[in-house]
């Protein structure tokens, strides 16, 4: 198990009811972590509709997670 910090924006923040949290997980990648979060929190967006940033940089979904990693799941943004 490793502990990671998560930040949520837009619809993910609304669905989770939090802007950030710290979580213990056995997930090895951002993709498996997001799958875990979808099951746990009922997120409606599939992973292929999001971008992920790990420790302040956009990263591939298969990037291995390290202890203390900070992840931001970024949903599509609408604007005008």
N, C-alpha and C. Protein backbone atom coordinates (compact mmCIF):
# COMPACT_ATOMS: atom_id res chain seq x y z
N UNK A 1 0.84 -1.19 0.00
CA UNK A 1 0.00 0.00 0.00
C UNK A 1 0.88 1.24 0.00
N UNK A 2 0.41 2.23 -0.71
CA UNK A 2 1.09 3.52 -0.72
C UNK A 2 0.05 4.60 -0.47
N UNK A 3 0.50 5.72 0.01
CA UNK A 3 -0.39 6.84 0.26
C UNK A 3 -0.16 7.89 -0.82
N UNK A 4 -1.26 8.34 -1.43
CA UNK A 4 -1.19 9.36 -2.48
C UNK A 4 -2.14 10.50 -2.13
N UNK A 5 -1.84 11.66 -2.68
CA UNK A 5 -2.72 12.82 -2.50
C UNK A 5 -3.45 13.06 -3.81
N UNK A 6 -4.74 13.33 -3.72
CA UNK A 6 -5.58 13.51 -4.90
C UNK A 6 -6.24 14.87 -4.87
N UNK A 7 -6.36 15.47 -6.05
CA UNK A 7 -7.13 16.69 -6.21
C UNK A 7 -8.18 16.44 -7.28
N UNK A 8 -9.37 16.98 -7.06
CA UNK A 8 -10.48 16.82 -7.99
C UNK A 8 -10.97 18.19 -8.44
N UNK A 9 -11.35 18.27 -9.70
CA UNK A 9 -11.89 19.50 -10.26
C UNK A 9 -13.22 19.22 -10.93
N UNK A 10 -14.01 20.28 -11.07
CA UNK A 10 -15.26 20.27 -11.83
C UNK A 10 -16.18 19.12 -11.41
N UNK A 11 -16.63 18.31 -12.35
CA UNK A 11 -17.62 17.27 -12.07
C UNK A 11 -17.09 16.23 -11.07
N UNK A 12 -15.79 15.96 -11.10
CA UNK A 12 -15.24 15.00 -10.13
C UNK A 12 -15.34 15.54 -8.71
N UNK A 13 -15.07 16.82 -8.54
CA UNK A 13 -15.19 17.44 -7.22
C UNK A 13 -16.65 17.40 -6.77
N UNK A 14 -17.58 17.67 -7.68
CA UNK A 14 -19.00 17.63 -7.33
C UNK A 14 -19.42 16.22 -6.93
N UNK A 15 -18.99 15.22 -7.70
CA UNK A 15 -19.40 13.85 -7.41
C UNK A 15 -18.75 13.32 -6.14
N UNK A 16 -17.53 13.72 -5.86
CA UNK A 16 -16.84 13.26 -4.65
C UNK A 16 -17.27 14.05 -3.42
N UNK A 17 -17.59 15.33 -3.63
CA UNK A 17 -17.95 16.18 -2.50
C UNK A 17 -16.74 16.73 -1.78
N UNK A 18 -15.57 16.57 -2.37
CA UNK A 18 -14.32 17.08 -1.82
C UNK A 18 -13.44 17.61 -2.95
N UNK A 19 -12.60 18.58 -2.63
CA UNK A 19 -11.65 19.08 -3.61
C UNK A 19 -10.34 18.29 -3.57
N UNK A 20 -10.04 17.69 -2.40
CA UNK A 20 -8.80 16.92 -2.29
C UNK A 20 -8.93 15.91 -1.16
N UNK A 21 -8.10 14.89 -1.24
CA UNK A 21 -8.05 13.89 -0.18
C UNK A 21 -6.73 13.15 -0.25
N UNK A 22 -6.41 12.48 0.83
CA UNK A 22 -5.25 11.60 0.90
C UNK A 22 -5.81 10.19 1.02
N UNK A 23 -5.22 9.25 0.26
CA UNK A 23 -5.78 7.92 0.16
C UNK A 23 -4.68 6.86 0.18
N UNK A 24 -4.91 5.78 0.90
CA UNK A 24 -4.02 4.61 0.85
C UNK A 24 -4.55 3.70 -0.24
N UNK A 25 -3.67 3.24 -1.13
CA UNK A 25 -4.09 2.43 -2.26
C UNK A 25 -3.04 1.39 -2.61
N UNK A 26 -3.49 0.30 -3.19
CA UNK A 26 -2.59 -0.71 -3.73
C UNK A 26 -2.42 -0.53 -5.23
N UNK A 27 -3.11 0.46 -5.82
CA UNK A 27 -3.04 0.69 -7.27
C UNK A 27 -1.60 0.97 -7.69
N UNK A 28 -1.22 0.38 -8.81
CA UNK A 28 0.15 0.55 -9.30
C UNK A 28 0.31 1.67 -10.30
N UNK A 29 -0.80 2.08 -10.94
CA UNK A 29 -0.75 3.14 -11.96
C UNK A 29 -1.91 4.10 -11.75
N UNK A 30 -1.84 5.22 -12.43
CA UNK A 30 -2.94 6.19 -12.37
C UNK A 30 -4.22 5.57 -12.91
N UNK A 31 -4.12 4.75 -13.94
CA UNK A 31 -5.31 4.12 -14.53
C UNK A 31 -6.00 3.20 -13.53
N UNK A 32 -5.24 2.36 -12.86
CA UNK A 32 -5.86 1.45 -11.89
C UNK A 32 -6.39 2.22 -10.68
N UNK A 33 -5.72 3.30 -10.31
CA UNK A 33 -6.23 4.13 -9.22
C UNK A 33 -7.55 4.77 -9.62
N UNK A 34 -7.64 5.30 -10.84
CA UNK A 34 -8.90 5.93 -11.25
C UNK A 34 -10.02 4.90 -11.31
N UNK A 35 -9.73 3.69 -11.77
CA UNK A 35 -10.74 2.63 -11.77
C UNK A 35 -11.23 2.36 -10.34
N UNK A 36 -10.29 2.33 -9.41
CA UNK A 36 -10.65 2.14 -7.99
C UNK A 36 -11.54 3.27 -7.49
N UNK A 37 -11.19 4.50 -7.86
CA UNK A 37 -11.96 5.67 -7.43
C UNK A 37 -13.35 5.68 -8.05
N UNK A 38 -13.45 5.28 -9.31
CA UNK A 38 -14.77 5.22 -9.97
C UNK A 38 -15.68 4.25 -9.23
N UNK A 39 -15.14 3.10 -8.87
CA UNK A 39 -15.94 2.11 -8.15
C UNK A 39 -16.30 2.60 -6.75
N UNK A 40 -15.37 3.24 -6.09
CA UNK A 40 -15.57 3.69 -4.71
C UNK A 40 -16.50 4.89 -4.61
N UNK A 41 -16.33 5.86 -5.53
CA UNK A 41 -17.04 7.14 -5.40
C UNK A 41 -18.13 7.33 -6.45
N UNK A 42 -18.27 6.41 -7.38
CA UNK A 42 -19.31 6.52 -8.39
C UNK A 42 -19.06 7.57 -9.45
N UNK A 43 -17.79 7.85 -9.76
CA UNK A 43 -17.50 8.81 -10.82
C UNK A 43 -18.10 8.33 -12.14
N UNK A 44 -18.71 9.25 -12.87
CA UNK A 44 -19.38 8.87 -14.11
C UNK A 44 -18.50 9.00 -15.35
N UNK A 45 -17.43 9.78 -15.28
CA UNK A 45 -16.57 9.95 -16.45
C UNK A 45 -15.61 8.78 -16.59
N UNK A 46 -15.53 8.19 -17.79
CA UNK A 46 -14.53 7.15 -18.02
C UNK A 46 -13.13 7.78 -18.08
N UNK A 47 -12.14 7.00 -17.77
CA UNK A 47 -10.77 7.50 -17.76
C UNK A 47 -10.30 8.09 -19.08
N UNK A 48 -10.82 7.59 -20.20
CA UNK A 48 -10.37 8.11 -21.49
C UNK A 48 -10.90 9.51 -21.78
N UNK A 49 -11.73 10.05 -20.91
CA UNK A 49 -12.21 11.43 -21.05
C UNK A 49 -11.43 12.40 -20.17
N UNK A 50 -10.46 11.89 -19.41
CA UNK A 50 -9.69 12.71 -18.47
C UNK A 50 -8.22 12.77 -18.86
N UNK A 51 -7.54 13.75 -18.29
CA UNK A 51 -6.07 13.78 -18.29
C UNK A 51 -5.65 13.59 -16.85
N UNK A 52 -4.45 13.11 -16.66
CA UNK A 52 -3.92 12.96 -15.31
C UNK A 52 -2.58 13.69 -15.22
N UNK A 53 -2.39 14.37 -14.12
CA UNK A 53 -1.09 14.99 -13.82
C UNK A 53 -0.58 14.34 -12.54
N UNK A 54 0.69 13.97 -12.58
CA UNK A 54 1.34 13.37 -11.42
C UNK A 54 2.50 14.26 -11.02
N UNK A 55 2.48 14.70 -9.78
CA UNK A 55 3.51 15.59 -9.26
C UNK A 55 3.72 16.82 -10.14
N UNK A 56 2.59 17.39 -10.59
CA UNK A 56 2.63 18.65 -11.31
C UNK A 56 2.88 18.57 -12.80
N UNK A 57 2.96 17.36 -13.37
CA UNK A 57 3.20 17.23 -14.81
C UNK A 57 2.23 16.23 -15.41
N UNK A 58 1.72 16.56 -16.61
CA UNK A 58 0.88 15.60 -17.30
C UNK A 58 1.66 14.30 -17.47
N UNK A 59 0.97 13.18 -17.31
CA UNK A 59 1.64 11.89 -17.35
C UNK A 59 0.77 10.87 -18.08
N UNK A 60 1.39 9.84 -18.65
CA UNK A 60 0.61 8.74 -19.22
C UNK A 60 -0.11 7.99 -18.11
N UNK A 61 -1.25 7.41 -18.46
CA UNK A 61 -2.05 6.68 -17.48
C UNK A 61 -1.33 5.48 -16.90
N UNK A 62 -0.34 4.94 -17.61
CA UNK A 62 0.36 3.75 -17.12
C UNK A 62 1.61 4.07 -16.31
N UNK A 63 1.78 5.34 -15.93
CA UNK A 63 2.92 5.74 -15.11
C UNK A 63 2.82 5.07 -13.73
N UNK A 64 3.89 4.40 -13.28
CA UNK A 64 3.85 3.78 -11.95
C UNK A 64 3.70 4.84 -10.86
N UNK A 65 2.89 4.52 -9.86
CA UNK A 65 2.68 5.44 -8.74
C UNK A 65 3.71 5.18 -7.64
N UNK A 66 4.22 6.25 -7.07
CA UNK A 66 5.18 6.16 -5.97
C UNK A 66 4.52 6.66 -4.69
N UNK A 67 5.04 6.24 -3.58
CA UNK A 67 4.60 6.73 -2.27
C UNK A 67 4.64 8.25 -2.27
N UNK A 68 3.55 8.87 -1.81
CA UNK A 68 3.50 10.33 -1.68
C UNK A 68 3.19 11.07 -2.97
N UNK A 69 2.90 10.37 -4.05
CA UNK A 69 2.60 11.03 -5.32
C UNK A 69 1.37 11.92 -5.16
N UNK A 70 1.37 13.02 -5.90
CA UNK A 70 0.23 13.93 -5.93
C UNK A 70 -0.40 13.83 -7.32
N UNK A 71 -1.66 13.44 -7.36
CA UNK A 71 -2.36 13.27 -8.64
C UNK A 71 -3.51 14.24 -8.77
N UNK A 72 -3.67 14.73 -9.99
CA UNK A 72 -4.81 15.58 -10.32
C UNK A 72 -5.49 14.94 -11.52
N UNK A 73 -6.76 14.63 -11.38
CA UNK A 73 -7.55 14.11 -12.49
C UNK A 73 -8.30 15.29 -13.09
N UNK A 74 -8.06 15.55 -14.38
CA UNK A 74 -8.56 16.77 -15.02
C UNK A 74 -9.62 16.40 -16.05
N UNK A 75 -10.88 16.76 -15.76
CA UNK A 75 -11.96 16.47 -16.69
C UNK A 75 -11.97 17.46 -17.85
N UNK A 76 -12.74 17.16 -18.90
CA UNK A 76 -12.86 18.11 -20.00
C UNK A 76 -13.44 19.43 -19.48
N UNK A 77 -13.00 20.51 -20.08
CA UNK A 77 -13.44 21.83 -19.65
C UNK A 77 -14.24 22.46 -20.79
N UNK A 78 -15.40 22.96 -20.47
CA UNK A 78 -16.21 23.69 -21.43
C UNK A 78 -16.05 25.17 -21.15
N UNK A 79 -16.09 25.94 -22.16
CA UNK A 79 -15.94 27.38 -21.95
C UNK A 79 -16.37 28.14 -23.17
N UNK A 80 -16.28 29.42 -23.04
CA UNK A 80 -16.69 30.24 -24.16
C UNK A 80 -15.82 31.41 -24.34
